[in-house]
N, C-alpha and C. Protein backbone atom coordinates (compact mmCIF):
# COMPACT_ATOMS: atom_id res chain seq x y z
N GLN A 1 24.66 17.93 -3.91
CA GLN A 1 24.25 16.95 -4.91
C GLN A 1 22.76 16.66 -4.74
N VAL A 2 22.05 16.62 -5.85
CA VAL A 2 20.62 16.34 -5.82
C VAL A 2 20.39 14.84 -5.82
N GLN A 3 19.45 14.41 -5.00
CA GLN A 3 19.00 13.02 -5.02
C GLN A 3 17.49 13.01 -5.15
N LEU A 4 17.00 12.11 -5.99
CA LEU A 4 15.56 12.00 -6.24
C LEU A 4 15.11 10.59 -5.91
N VAL A 5 14.06 10.49 -5.12
CA VAL A 5 13.55 9.18 -4.73
C VAL A 5 12.08 9.09 -5.12
N GLU A 6 11.80 8.15 -5.99
CA GLU A 6 10.44 7.99 -6.52
C GLU A 6 9.70 6.88 -5.83
N SER A 7 8.38 6.96 -5.90
CA SER A 7 7.54 5.88 -5.42
C SER A 7 6.19 5.98 -6.11
N GLY A 8 5.41 4.91 -6.01
CA GLY A 8 4.04 4.97 -6.48
C GLY A 8 3.69 4.16 -7.71
N GLY A 9 4.67 3.52 -8.33
CA GLY A 9 4.34 2.72 -9.50
C GLY A 9 3.58 1.47 -9.12
N GLY A 10 3.17 0.72 -10.12
CA GLY A 10 2.47 -0.53 -9.85
C GLY A 10 1.80 -1.07 -11.10
N SER A 11 0.99 -2.09 -10.89
CA SER A 11 0.25 -2.73 -11.97
C SER A 11 -1.23 -2.46 -11.78
N VAL A 12 -1.85 -1.93 -12.83
CA VAL A 12 -3.26 -1.57 -12.76
C VAL A 12 -3.96 -1.99 -14.04
N GLN A 13 -5.28 -1.85 -14.04
CA GLN A 13 -6.09 -2.10 -15.22
C GLN A 13 -6.30 -0.80 -15.98
N ALA A 14 -6.57 -0.93 -17.26
CA ALA A 14 -6.88 0.24 -18.08
C ALA A 14 -8.05 1.00 -17.45
N GLY A 15 -7.90 2.32 -17.43
CA GLY A 15 -8.93 3.16 -16.82
C GLY A 15 -8.67 3.51 -15.38
N ASP A 16 -7.76 2.80 -14.74
CA ASP A 16 -7.42 3.07 -13.34
C ASP A 16 -6.51 4.28 -13.22
N SER A 17 -6.20 4.62 -11.98
CA SER A 17 -5.34 5.76 -11.69
C SER A 17 -4.16 5.34 -10.82
N LEU A 18 -3.09 6.09 -10.93
CA LEU A 18 -1.93 5.95 -10.06
C LEU A 18 -1.38 7.34 -9.79
N ARG A 19 -0.73 7.49 -8.65
CA ARG A 19 -0.03 8.73 -8.37
C ARG A 19 1.42 8.41 -8.05
N LEU A 20 2.30 9.01 -8.83
CA LEU A 20 3.73 8.89 -8.58
C LEU A 20 4.20 10.06 -7.73
N SER A 21 5.15 9.77 -6.86
CA SER A 21 5.74 10.81 -6.02
C SER A 21 7.25 10.81 -6.22
N CYS A 22 7.84 11.98 -6.05
CA CYS A 22 9.29 12.10 -6.17
C CYS A 22 9.75 13.09 -5.11
N VAL A 23 10.56 12.62 -4.19
CA VAL A 23 11.09 13.48 -3.14
C VAL A 23 12.48 13.97 -3.55
N PHE A 24 12.70 15.25 -3.39
CA PHE A 24 13.92 15.93 -3.81
C PHE A 24 14.78 16.20 -2.58
N TYR A 25 16.05 15.79 -2.66
CA TYR A 25 16.98 16.01 -1.56
C TYR A 25 18.24 16.72 -2.05
N GLY A 26 18.83 17.50 -1.18
CA GLY A 26 20.21 17.92 -1.40
C GLY A 26 20.43 19.36 -1.78
N GLN A 27 19.50 19.99 -2.42
CA GLN A 27 19.65 21.38 -2.84
C GLN A 27 18.33 22.12 -2.58
N THR A 28 18.26 23.35 -3.04
CA THR A 28 17.07 24.16 -2.83
C THR A 28 16.02 23.81 -3.89
N PHE A 29 14.98 23.14 -3.45
CA PHE A 29 13.95 22.61 -4.34
C PHE A 29 13.38 23.69 -5.26
N ALA A 30 13.20 24.88 -4.73
CA ALA A 30 12.56 25.95 -5.49
C ALA A 30 13.40 26.42 -6.67
N LEU A 31 14.66 26.04 -6.73
CA LEU A 31 15.54 26.47 -7.82
C LEU A 31 15.57 25.46 -8.97
N TYR A 32 14.73 24.44 -8.88
CA TYR A 32 14.78 23.38 -9.87
C TYR A 32 13.45 23.17 -10.57
N VAL A 33 13.55 22.95 -11.87
CA VAL A 33 12.43 22.48 -12.67
C VAL A 33 12.39 20.96 -12.54
N MET A 34 11.20 20.44 -12.32
CA MET A 34 11.05 19.00 -12.16
C MET A 34 10.34 18.40 -13.37
N GLY A 35 10.79 17.25 -13.78
CA GLY A 35 10.20 16.60 -14.94
C GLY A 35 9.90 15.14 -14.68
N TRP A 36 8.99 14.62 -15.48
CA TRP A 36 8.69 13.19 -15.49
C TRP A 36 8.94 12.67 -16.90
N PHE A 37 9.74 11.64 -16.99
CA PHE A 37 10.02 10.98 -18.25
C PHE A 37 9.54 9.53 -18.15
N ARG A 38 9.36 8.91 -19.30
CA ARG A 38 9.08 7.47 -19.30
C ARG A 38 9.85 6.81 -20.43
N GLN A 39 10.13 5.54 -20.22
CA GLN A 39 10.89 4.79 -21.21
C GLN A 39 10.36 3.38 -21.31
N VAL A 40 10.19 2.96 -22.55
CA VAL A 40 9.81 1.59 -22.88
C VAL A 40 11.05 0.93 -23.49
N PRO A 41 11.32 -0.32 -23.16
CA PRO A 41 12.50 -0.99 -23.74
C PRO A 41 12.56 -0.87 -25.24
N GLY A 42 13.71 -0.45 -25.74
CA GLY A 42 13.89 -0.32 -27.18
C GLY A 42 13.51 1.03 -27.73
N LYS A 43 13.00 1.89 -26.87
CA LYS A 43 12.61 3.23 -27.32
C LYS A 43 13.34 4.28 -26.50
N GLU A 44 13.39 5.48 -27.04
CA GLU A 44 14.03 6.57 -26.33
C GLU A 44 13.17 7.04 -25.17
N ARG A 45 13.86 7.57 -24.18
CA ARG A 45 13.16 8.15 -23.06
C ARG A 45 12.41 9.39 -23.55
N GLU A 46 11.16 9.55 -23.13
CA GLU A 46 10.37 10.69 -23.58
C GLU A 46 9.91 11.52 -22.38
N LEU A 47 9.89 12.83 -22.60
CA LEU A 47 9.38 13.75 -21.58
C LEU A 47 7.86 13.66 -21.56
N VAL A 48 7.33 13.37 -20.41
CA VAL A 48 5.90 13.27 -20.22
C VAL A 48 5.32 14.57 -19.70
N ALA A 49 6.02 15.15 -18.74
CA ALA A 49 5.50 16.36 -18.10
C ALA A 49 6.64 17.06 -17.37
N GLN A 50 6.50 18.35 -17.19
CA GLN A 50 7.43 19.08 -16.35
C GLN A 50 6.70 20.22 -15.65
N ILE A 51 7.27 20.63 -14.53
CA ILE A 51 6.65 21.67 -13.73
C ILE A 51 7.74 22.58 -13.20
N THR A 52 7.53 23.87 -13.35
CA THR A 52 8.51 24.85 -12.87
C THR A 52 8.30 25.13 -11.39
N SER A 53 9.20 25.92 -10.85
CA SER A 53 9.09 26.30 -9.45
C SER A 53 7.80 27.06 -9.18
N GLY A 54 7.37 27.84 -10.16
CA GLY A 54 6.13 28.57 -10.02
C GLY A 54 4.91 27.78 -10.41
N SER A 55 5.10 26.47 -10.63
CA SER A 55 4.02 25.54 -10.97
C SER A 55 3.42 25.74 -12.35
N SER A 56 4.17 26.33 -13.24
CA SER A 56 3.79 26.29 -14.64
C SER A 56 4.08 24.90 -15.16
N THR A 57 3.16 24.38 -15.94
CA THR A 57 3.29 22.97 -16.33
C THR A 57 3.30 22.78 -17.84
N TYR A 58 3.88 21.68 -18.22
CA TYR A 58 3.84 21.20 -19.59
C TYR A 58 3.50 19.72 -19.53
N GLU A 59 2.61 19.27 -20.38
CA GLU A 59 2.33 17.86 -20.53
C GLU A 59 2.39 17.47 -22.00
N ALA A 60 2.93 16.33 -22.29
CA ALA A 60 2.96 15.82 -23.66
C ALA A 60 1.53 15.59 -24.16
N ASP A 61 1.37 15.70 -25.45
CA ASP A 61 0.03 15.53 -26.03
C ASP A 61 -0.56 14.16 -25.68
N SER A 62 0.29 13.17 -25.57
CA SER A 62 -0.18 11.81 -25.31
C SER A 62 -0.82 11.64 -23.94
N VAL A 63 -0.53 12.56 -23.03
CA VAL A 63 -1.07 12.44 -21.66
C VAL A 63 -1.93 13.63 -21.26
N LYS A 64 -1.98 14.62 -22.11
CA LYS A 64 -2.72 15.84 -21.76
C LYS A 64 -4.18 15.51 -21.48
N GLY A 65 -4.69 16.07 -20.41
CA GLY A 65 -6.06 15.80 -20.00
C GLY A 65 -6.20 14.58 -19.11
N ARG A 66 -5.15 13.77 -19.02
CA ARG A 66 -5.21 12.57 -18.17
C ARG A 66 -4.20 12.64 -17.01
N PHE A 67 -3.04 13.25 -17.25
CA PHE A 67 -2.00 13.35 -16.24
C PHE A 67 -1.92 14.79 -15.76
N THR A 68 -1.80 14.96 -14.47
CA THR A 68 -1.58 16.29 -13.91
C THR A 68 -0.43 16.25 -12.90
N GLN A 69 0.20 17.38 -12.75
CA GLN A 69 1.35 17.49 -11.87
C GLN A 69 1.09 18.50 -10.78
N SER A 70 1.81 18.31 -9.70
CA SER A 70 1.81 19.31 -8.65
C SER A 70 3.12 19.19 -7.89
N ARG A 71 3.45 20.24 -7.17
CA ARG A 71 4.65 20.18 -6.34
C ARG A 71 4.34 20.83 -5.00
N ASP A 72 4.87 20.21 -3.97
CA ASP A 72 4.67 20.67 -2.60
C ASP A 72 6.02 21.14 -2.08
N HIS A 73 6.17 22.45 -1.97
CA HIS A 73 7.47 22.99 -1.57
C HIS A 73 7.76 22.71 -0.09
N ALA A 74 6.74 22.51 0.71
CA ALA A 74 6.96 22.19 2.12
C ALA A 74 7.54 20.79 2.28
N LYS A 75 7.21 19.91 1.33
CA LYS A 75 7.68 18.52 1.41
C LYS A 75 8.77 18.20 0.40
N ASN A 76 9.18 19.20 -0.38
CA ASN A 76 10.18 18.97 -1.45
C ASN A 76 9.78 17.78 -2.33
N THR A 77 8.54 17.76 -2.70
CA THR A 77 8.00 16.62 -3.42
C THR A 77 7.20 17.09 -4.63
N VAL A 78 7.33 16.32 -5.70
CA VAL A 78 6.54 16.55 -6.89
C VAL A 78 5.71 15.29 -7.15
N TYR A 79 4.51 15.51 -7.66
CA TYR A 79 3.58 14.41 -7.89
C TYR A 79 3.15 14.37 -9.35
N LEU A 80 2.89 13.17 -9.82
CA LEU A 80 2.29 12.98 -11.13
C LEU A 80 1.05 12.12 -10.93
N GLN A 81 -0.09 12.75 -11.07
CA GLN A 81 -1.36 12.05 -10.97
C GLN A 81 -1.74 11.55 -12.35
N MET A 82 -1.88 10.25 -12.47
CA MET A 82 -2.15 9.63 -13.77
C MET A 82 -3.54 8.99 -13.72
N ASN A 83 -4.44 9.55 -14.49
CA ASN A 83 -5.81 9.04 -14.56
C ASN A 83 -6.08 8.42 -15.92
N SER A 84 -7.14 7.65 -15.98
CA SER A 84 -7.55 7.01 -17.25
C SER A 84 -6.38 6.34 -17.94
N LEU A 85 -5.66 5.55 -17.19
CA LEU A 85 -4.46 4.93 -17.72
C LEU A 85 -4.79 3.97 -18.86
N ARG A 86 -3.86 3.91 -19.80
CA ARG A 86 -4.00 3.07 -20.99
C ARG A 86 -2.83 2.09 -21.05
N PRO A 87 -3.01 0.99 -21.76
CA PRO A 87 -1.88 0.05 -21.89
C PRO A 87 -0.63 0.72 -22.47
N GLU A 88 -0.81 1.69 -23.34
CA GLU A 88 0.36 2.37 -23.94
C GLU A 88 1.08 3.27 -22.95
N ASP A 89 0.53 3.46 -21.77
CA ASP A 89 1.24 4.20 -20.72
C ASP A 89 2.23 3.31 -19.97
N THR A 90 2.22 2.04 -20.25
CA THR A 90 3.14 1.11 -19.61
C THR A 90 4.58 1.49 -19.92
N ALA A 91 5.38 1.69 -18.87
CA ALA A 91 6.76 2.14 -19.03
C ALA A 91 7.41 2.21 -17.66
N ILE A 92 8.69 2.49 -17.67
CA ILE A 92 9.37 2.89 -16.45
C ILE A 92 9.35 4.42 -16.42
N TYR A 93 8.90 4.96 -15.33
CA TYR A 93 8.77 6.40 -15.18
C TYR A 93 9.91 6.92 -14.31
N TYR A 94 10.52 7.98 -14.78
CA TYR A 94 11.65 8.58 -14.09
C TYR A 94 11.34 10.02 -13.72
N CYS A 95 11.66 10.37 -12.51
CA CYS A 95 11.64 11.75 -12.07
C CYS A 95 12.99 12.38 -12.41
N ALA A 96 12.99 13.64 -12.79
CA ALA A 96 14.22 14.31 -13.15
C ALA A 96 14.19 15.76 -12.67
N ALA A 97 15.38 16.34 -12.53
CA ALA A 97 15.48 17.72 -12.08
C ALA A 97 16.53 18.47 -12.87
N LYS A 98 16.26 19.74 -13.13
CA LYS A 98 17.26 20.60 -13.73
C LYS A 98 17.18 21.96 -13.07
N HIS A 99 18.36 22.57 -12.88
CA HIS A 99 18.38 23.89 -12.29
C HIS A 99 17.72 24.87 -13.26
N THR A 100 17.12 25.90 -12.72
CA THR A 100 16.41 26.85 -13.56
C THR A 100 17.33 27.55 -14.56
N THR A 101 18.64 27.53 -14.32
CA THR A 101 19.57 28.20 -15.23
C THR A 101 20.13 27.27 -16.30
N THR A 102 19.74 26.02 -16.28
CA THR A 102 20.27 25.07 -17.26
C THR A 102 19.16 24.53 -18.15
N SER A 103 19.55 23.98 -19.27
CA SER A 103 18.57 23.49 -20.24
C SER A 103 18.34 21.99 -20.17
N GLU A 104 19.30 21.28 -19.60
CA GLU A 104 19.21 19.82 -19.59
C GLU A 104 18.90 19.31 -18.19
N PHE A 105 18.12 18.24 -18.14
CA PHE A 105 17.87 17.56 -16.88
C PHE A 105 19.14 16.80 -16.49
N ALA A 106 19.66 17.11 -15.32
CA ALA A 106 20.94 16.56 -14.91
C ALA A 106 20.82 15.50 -13.82
N TYR A 107 19.69 15.46 -13.16
CA TYR A 107 19.52 14.55 -12.03
C TYR A 107 18.31 13.66 -12.28
N TRP A 108 18.49 12.38 -11.92
CA TRP A 108 17.46 11.39 -12.24
C TRP A 108 17.18 10.50 -11.04
N GLY A 109 15.90 10.13 -10.92
CA GLY A 109 15.53 9.13 -9.94
C GLY A 109 15.84 7.74 -10.45
N GLN A 110 15.53 6.76 -9.63
CA GLN A 110 15.86 5.38 -9.96
C GLN A 110 14.85 4.74 -10.90
N GLY A 111 13.72 5.38 -11.07
CA GLY A 111 12.69 4.84 -11.94
C GLY A 111 11.68 4.00 -11.17
N THR A 112 10.44 4.06 -11.61
CA THR A 112 9.40 3.24 -11.02
C THR A 112 8.54 2.68 -12.16
N ARG A 113 8.23 1.40 -12.06
CA ARG A 113 7.54 0.72 -13.17
C ARG A 113 6.04 0.91 -13.06
N VAL A 114 5.44 1.24 -14.19
CA VAL A 114 3.99 1.32 -14.30
C VAL A 114 3.55 0.34 -15.39
N THR A 115 2.66 -0.56 -15.03
CA THR A 115 2.14 -1.54 -15.98
C THR A 115 0.63 -1.41 -16.03
N VAL A 116 0.10 -1.21 -17.22
CA VAL A 116 -1.33 -1.05 -17.40
C VAL A 116 -1.83 -2.19 -18.29
N SER A 117 -2.74 -2.98 -17.77
CA SER A 117 -3.27 -4.11 -18.51
C SER A 117 -4.64 -3.77 -19.10
N SER A 118 -4.91 -4.33 -20.26
CA SER A 118 -6.19 -4.06 -20.92
C SER A 118 -7.27 -4.99 -20.41
C-alpha cells in the first residue's frame, strides 16, 4: 500500500516562495508517476503538476514558469518549488501517485495548506 506524507505549506506574502515535499512509502517509487493537485473550497481539485519516473514534467498553464518539480529517488521524495506566489495560488495542495500502468491517481497525501496574502 502506498502512503504519501506531505510537508512544507504555510502562509506567505505575494511574491514569496515555498517548497512542498512529499515522501513516498510502501512500494517502488520508480514505478509511480507523482502529481500535485490543489483545491479551493467549492471548486474541483485541479492538477497543478506531475512528474514521471524519468522526470518528464507537466505543469498547468496557471503555474508554468513559476512552479517546478523534482524527484529524488534516493529519498523517495518529490518536491514542488513554488516561486512568485500569487493570492490565487491559495489552496490545499495534495500530493498524489499513480502506477505507470494506470491512468488515474489512486493514492493521496493528507494535504498541506498554502495561503498567499496580497
